Protein backbone atom coordinates (compact mmCIF):
# COMPACT_ATOMS: atom_id res chain seq x y z
CA MET A 1 30.62 -17.22 -20.92
CA THR A 2 27.93 -14.84 -22.17
CA ARG A 3 25.18 -14.24 -19.64
CA THR A 4 21.62 -14.10 -20.85
CA PRO A 5 19.73 -11.21 -19.25
CA LYS A 6 17.04 -12.44 -16.89
CA GLN A 7 13.59 -11.91 -18.31
CA PRO A 8 11.45 -9.69 -16.08
CA VAL A 9 8.24 -10.97 -14.53
CA TRP A 10 5.29 -8.72 -15.37
CA TYR A 11 2.35 -8.26 -13.02
CA MET A 12 -1.22 -6.99 -13.17
CA ALA A 13 -3.71 -6.62 -10.32
CA THR A 14 -7.49 -6.90 -10.27
CA PRO A 15 -10.24 -6.76 -7.66
CA ALA A 16 -11.43 -10.05 -6.18
CA ASP A 17 -13.62 -10.89 -9.19
CA GLY A 18 -10.61 -10.97 -11.52
CA ILE A 19 -11.86 -8.22 -13.87
CA ILE A 20 -9.50 -5.40 -14.85
CA GLU A 21 -11.02 -2.43 -13.05
CA ARG A 22 -10.34 0.03 -15.87
CA SER A 23 -12.28 -2.19 -18.30
CA ARG A 24 -15.37 -2.34 -16.12
CA GLY A 25 -18.38 -0.69 -17.76
CA LEU A 26 -16.68 -0.71 -21.17
CA SER A 27 -15.66 -4.12 -22.48
CA PRO A 28 -14.90 -6.02 -19.25
CA VAL A 29 -11.74 -8.12 -19.39
CA SER A 30 -11.49 -11.01 -16.92
CA LEU A 31 -8.01 -12.28 -16.21
CA ALA A 32 -9.52 -14.98 -14.02
CA ASP A 33 -11.24 -16.51 -17.05
CA ALA A 34 -8.12 -16.41 -19.23
CA VAL A 35 -5.34 -18.20 -17.32
CA GLY A 36 -3.05 -19.82 -19.88
CA GLN A 37 -4.64 -17.89 -22.73
CA ALA A 38 -3.75 -14.87 -24.84
CA ILE A 39 -6.06 -11.85 -24.72
CA ASP A 40 -6.36 -9.11 -27.32
CA HIS A 41 -7.30 -5.71 -25.97
CA PRO A 42 -10.98 -5.10 -26.80
CA THR A 43 -10.61 -1.33 -27.38
CA PRO A 44 -6.98 -0.66 -28.38
CA CYS A 45 -5.93 2.94 -28.82
CA ALA A 46 -4.66 4.16 -32.18
CA ASN A 47 -2.27 6.69 -30.65
CA ARG A 48 0.23 4.41 -28.94
CA TRP A 49 0.94 4.89 -26.05
CA PHE A 50 -0.47 8.25 -25.11
CA ASP A 51 -4.22 7.77 -25.32
CA GLU A 52 -5.57 8.33 -21.83
CA THR A 53 -9.11 7.12 -22.31
CA PRO A 54 -10.09 4.85 -19.41
CA HIS A 55 -8.90 1.59 -20.94
CA SER A 56 -6.66 1.99 -23.98
CA TYR A 57 -4.06 -0.68 -23.34
CA PHE A 58 -3.00 -3.29 -20.83
CA ARG A 59 -0.88 -1.83 -18.04
CA MET A 60 1.66 -4.05 -16.30
CA VAL A 61 4.67 -3.58 -14.03
CA LYS A 62 7.81 -5.55 -13.27
CA ARG A 63 8.11 -4.10 -9.75
CA VAL A 64 5.34 -5.83 -7.88
CA GLY A 65 5.22 -3.20 -5.13
CA GLU A 66 3.90 -0.73 -7.71
CA VAL A 67 1.30 -3.04 -9.26
CA LEU A 68 -1.59 -1.29 -7.47
CA GLU A 69 -0.65 2.09 -8.90
CA ASP A 70 -2.96 3.55 -11.54
CA THR A 71 -5.41 0.65 -11.46
CA ARG A 72 -8.51 2.48 -10.20
CA ILE A 73 -9.05 -0.38 -7.76
CA ARG A 74 -10.58 0.80 -4.50
CA PRO A 75 -8.16 0.15 -1.62
CA VAL A 76 -9.93 -2.84 -0.14
CA TRP A 77 -8.61 -6.33 0.45
CA PRO A 78 -8.47 -8.89 -1.04
CA VAL A 79 -7.18 -8.14 -4.50
CA ARG A 80 -5.80 -10.67 -6.97
CA LEU A 81 -2.35 -10.65 -8.55
CA TRP A 82 -1.52 -12.06 -11.96
CA VAL A 83 1.68 -12.88 -13.80
CA VAL A 84 1.25 -11.87 -17.43
CA GLU A 85 3.38 -11.96 -20.57
CA PRO A 86 3.27 -9.01 -23.00
CA LEU A 87 2.78 -10.04 -26.62
CA GLY A 88 3.42 -8.08 -29.78
CA GLU A 89 4.34 -4.40 -29.76
CA THR A 90 4.93 -2.81 -26.37
CA GLY A 91 5.50 0.73 -25.20
CA ASN A 92 5.92 3.06 -22.27
CA TRP A 93 5.33 6.69 -21.34
CA GLY A 94 9.07 7.18 -20.89
CA GLN A 95 11.83 5.03 -19.45
CA ARG A 96 13.15 7.89 -17.33
CA TYR A 97 10.07 8.11 -15.14
CA TYR A 98 8.38 4.75 -15.69
CA PRO A 99 11.19 2.20 -16.06
CA TYR A 100 9.15 -0.48 -14.29
CA ARG A 101 5.98 -0.10 -16.42
CA LEU A 102 4.99 -1.61 -19.76
CA LEU A 103 1.99 -1.12 -22.03
CA SER A 104 0.68 -3.50 -24.68
CA HIS A 105 -2.42 -4.42 -26.66
CA ARG A 106 -2.01 -8.17 -26.20
CA ILE A 107 -1.05 -10.31 -23.20
CA ARG A 108 -0.95 -13.90 -22.08
CA VAL A 109 -2.22 -14.59 -18.58
CA VAL A 110 0.46 -16.92 -17.21
CA GLU A 111 -0.83 -17.59 -13.69
CA GLU A 112 -2.34 -16.18 -10.55
CA THR A 113 0.15 -15.60 -7.75
CA ASP A 114 0.24 -14.53 -4.09
CA ALA A 115 -1.45 -11.11 -3.93
CA ARG A 116 0.26 -10.20 -0.67
CA GLN A 117 3.36 -9.37 -2.71
CA ALA A 118 1.51 -6.29 -3.92
CA LEU A 119 1.92 -4.83 -0.42
CA GLY A 120 5.69 -5.12 -0.54
CA ALA A 121 8.30 -7.55 0.66
CA ARG A 122 6.56 -7.94 4.04
CA GLY A 123 3.01 -7.90 2.72
CA ARG A 124 2.05 -11.05 4.62
CA ASP A 125 3.14 -9.51 7.92
CA VAL A 126 1.45 -6.19 7.13
CA LEU A 127 -1.88 -7.91 6.55
CA ASP A 128 -1.43 -9.98 9.70
CA ALA A 129 -0.92 -6.78 11.73
CA ILE A 130 -3.94 -5.14 10.12
CA ASP A 131 -6.15 -8.17 10.75
CA HIS A 132 -5.01 -9.14 14.25
CA GLN A 133 -3.37 -6.18 15.98
CA LEU A 134 -5.37 -3.15 14.88
CA PRO A 135 -8.80 -4.43 15.99
CA ARG A 136 -7.42 -4.61 19.52
CA LEU A 137 -5.24 -1.49 19.50
CA ALA A 138 -7.38 1.09 17.70
CA PRO A 139 -10.10 1.32 20.39
CA ARG A 140 -7.40 1.72 23.05
CA TRP A 141 -5.73 4.54 21.11
CA ALA A 142 -9.05 6.34 20.68
CA ALA A 143 -9.84 5.90 24.38
CA ASP A 144 -6.44 7.35 25.33
CA TRP A 145 -7.20 10.43 23.27
CA ASP A 146 -10.70 10.86 24.62
CA ALA A 147 -9.50 10.49 28.21
CA ASP A 148 -7.43 13.69 27.94
CA PRO A 149 -7.46 15.29 24.48
CA GLU A 150 -5.41 18.30 25.51
CA ALA A 151 -2.58 16.31 27.06
CA MET A 152 -2.58 13.77 24.23
CA GLY A 153 -2.49 16.58 21.69
CA ARG A 154 0.64 18.00 23.36
CA ARG A 155 2.29 14.59 23.50
CA ARG A 156 1.50 13.90 19.87
CA GLU A 157 2.95 17.24 18.80
CA THR A 158 6.14 16.53 20.75
CA TRP A 159 6.35 13.07 19.16
CA ARG A 160 5.73 14.51 15.70
CA LEU A 161 8.31 17.32 15.88
CA SER A 162 10.93 16.19 18.38
CA GLY A 163 10.66 12.50 19.12
CA GLY A 164 12.39 11.37 22.29
CA PRO A 165 15.65 10.01 23.64
CA ASP A 166 15.04 6.62 22.02
CA THR A 167 13.36 7.63 18.75
CA THR A 168 13.54 10.16 15.97
CA SER A 169 10.57 12.46 15.39
CA GLY A 170 7.40 11.06 13.89
CA MET A 171 7.68 13.47 10.96
CA LYS A 172 11.23 12.32 10.19
CA ALA A 173 10.30 8.64 10.49
CA GLU A 174 7.41 9.06 8.05
CA SER A 175 9.69 10.88 5.62
CA LEU A 176 12.24 8.07 5.81
CA ALA A 177 9.49 5.52 5.20
CA ASP A 178 8.39 7.42 2.09
CA ASP A 179 11.99 7.56 0.83
CA ALA A 180 12.50 3.84 1.42
CA ALA A 181 9.26 2.98 -0.38
CA ARG A 182 10.28 5.04 -3.40
CA ALA A 183 13.77 3.54 -3.50
CA ARG A 184 12.37 -0.01 -3.40
CA ARG A 185 9.46 0.67 -5.74
CA GLU A 186 6.85 0.14 -3.03
CA SER A 187 5.19 3.56 -3.14
CA ALA A 188 1.86 2.15 -4.33
CA ALA A 189 2.10 -0.61 -1.72
CA GLN A 190 2.73 1.99 0.99
CA TRP A 191 -0.22 4.14 -0.09
CA TRP A 192 -2.46 1.10 0.07
CA ILE A 193 -1.05 0.09 3.45
CA ARG A 194 -1.93 3.50 4.85
CA ARG A 195 -5.48 3.26 3.52
CA LEU A 196 -6.05 -0.34 4.59
CA SER A 197 -4.76 0.27 8.10
CA GLY A 198 -6.78 3.46 8.53
CA ASP A 199 -9.93 1.70 7.36
CA ALA A 200 -9.20 -1.19 9.74
CA ALA A 201 -8.96 1.27 12.62
CA ASP A 202 -12.28 2.85 11.64
CA ARG A 203 -13.95 -0.57 11.52
CA ALA A 204 -12.51 -1.48 14.90
CA LEU A 205 -13.92 1.66 16.48
CA ALA A 206 -17.33 1.08 14.90
CA GLY A 207 -17.29 -2.57 15.91
CA LYS A 208 -16.53 -1.75 19.53
CA GLY A 209 -19.25 0.88 19.60
CA ALA A 210 -16.60 3.39 20.59
CA VAL A 211 -18.07 6.78 21.40
CA GLY A 212 -15.42 9.32 20.60
CA GLY A 213 -14.85 12.44 18.63
CA VAL A 214 -13.43 12.93 15.18
CA ALA A 215 -10.05 13.79 16.67
CA ALA A 216 -9.87 10.48 18.55
CA ALA A 217 -10.74 8.53 15.40
CA HIS A 218 -8.16 10.47 13.39
CA TYR A 219 -5.52 9.77 16.05
CA ALA A 220 -6.31 6.04 16.05
CA SER A 221 -6.17 5.95 12.24
CA ALA A 222 -2.78 7.69 12.20
CA ARG A 223 -1.41 5.32 14.83
CA ALA A 224 -2.68 2.37 12.78
CA ALA A 225 -0.90 3.61 9.67
CA GLY A 226 2.32 4.13 11.61
CA LEU A 227 2.25 0.62 13.02
CA ALA A 228 1.60 -0.89 9.59
CA LEU A 229 4.46 1.13 8.05
CA ALA A 230 6.77 -0.09 10.81
CA VAL A 231 5.90 -3.65 9.82
CA GLN A 232 6.44 -2.85 6.12
CA HIS A 233 9.93 -1.45 6.83
CA GLN A 234 10.87 -3.75 9.72
CA ASP A 235 14.01 -5.00 7.94
CA ARG A 236 15.09 -1.56 6.72
CA PHE A 237 15.29 0.61 9.82
CA ASP A 238 16.59 0.33 13.34
CA ALA A 239 14.62 0.81 16.53
CA TYR A 240 15.27 4.56 16.47
CA VAL A 241 13.05 4.92 13.40
CA LEU A 242 10.70 1.97 13.92
CA GLY A 243 9.88 3.12 17.44
CA ALA A 244 8.81 6.50 16.09
CA LEU A 245 6.56 4.89 13.47
CA ARG A 246 4.97 2.77 16.18
CA GLY A 247 4.37 5.84 18.36
CA LEU A 248 6.75 4.95 21.16
CA GLY A 249 6.07 7.37 24.00
CA LEU A 250 2.46 8.06 23.03
CA ASP A 251 0.78 5.18 24.82
CA THR A 252 -0.52 5.56 28.34
CA PRO A 253 0.66 5.59 31.00
CA ALA A 254 2.71 8.61 29.99
CA PRO A 255 6.48 8.34 30.54
CA ALA A 256 7.75 9.95 33.69
CA LEU A 257 8.96 13.53 33.23
CA ALA A 258 12.32 14.65 34.55
CA VAL A 259 12.08 17.19 37.37
């Protein structure tokens, strides 16, 4: 029996108002107002598909973890995610480097779908951690740093370069997370996760009226990103890597030292 190749699902992302960010200020295109309809690009480029004016063609991806790449959307949540169908002639900048991307001058907006997919396979859990864990943890991390910056700086450097008996080094864990995101086409999702978690940590410190230095805020932001990445890759790594992303060994009280 001849198998029919499965048709890919194509995605586009917009800010919360449903307008394609790249079209804003030119000829705004609202996907929210066009569900079930076909849309012709208002300012199509003549030089397909290499005209890099701000909004020359519709940009869509079939790997949803990359849908937030190259959108010019500020990394704030919520965003909206749309399933679209390319119509007419389509193109690409090169299958070798952009096999998951498609460009066209006409689309049909099929439906709106769950935007949490844009943050990867565990996007729901990532957002839950950002919303419910970081507001509690970030002030504690900043307070740990402020209580003894010199000692915490030494511990963080040991964590970053060497890890511990139960975890790899922080630097290695972050590198593995980057590799996994690239392999699963979640690099854009991971970049957004880092930004969203860092911003959540900053808001938590401001909300608690935390009085701390820049170094303490930077430390809390980095810890927040590590925790969120551990959630993103929960099903991909063992405790040896996940523990490093979560900063195992950095929290007070400090682990006992061998004598």
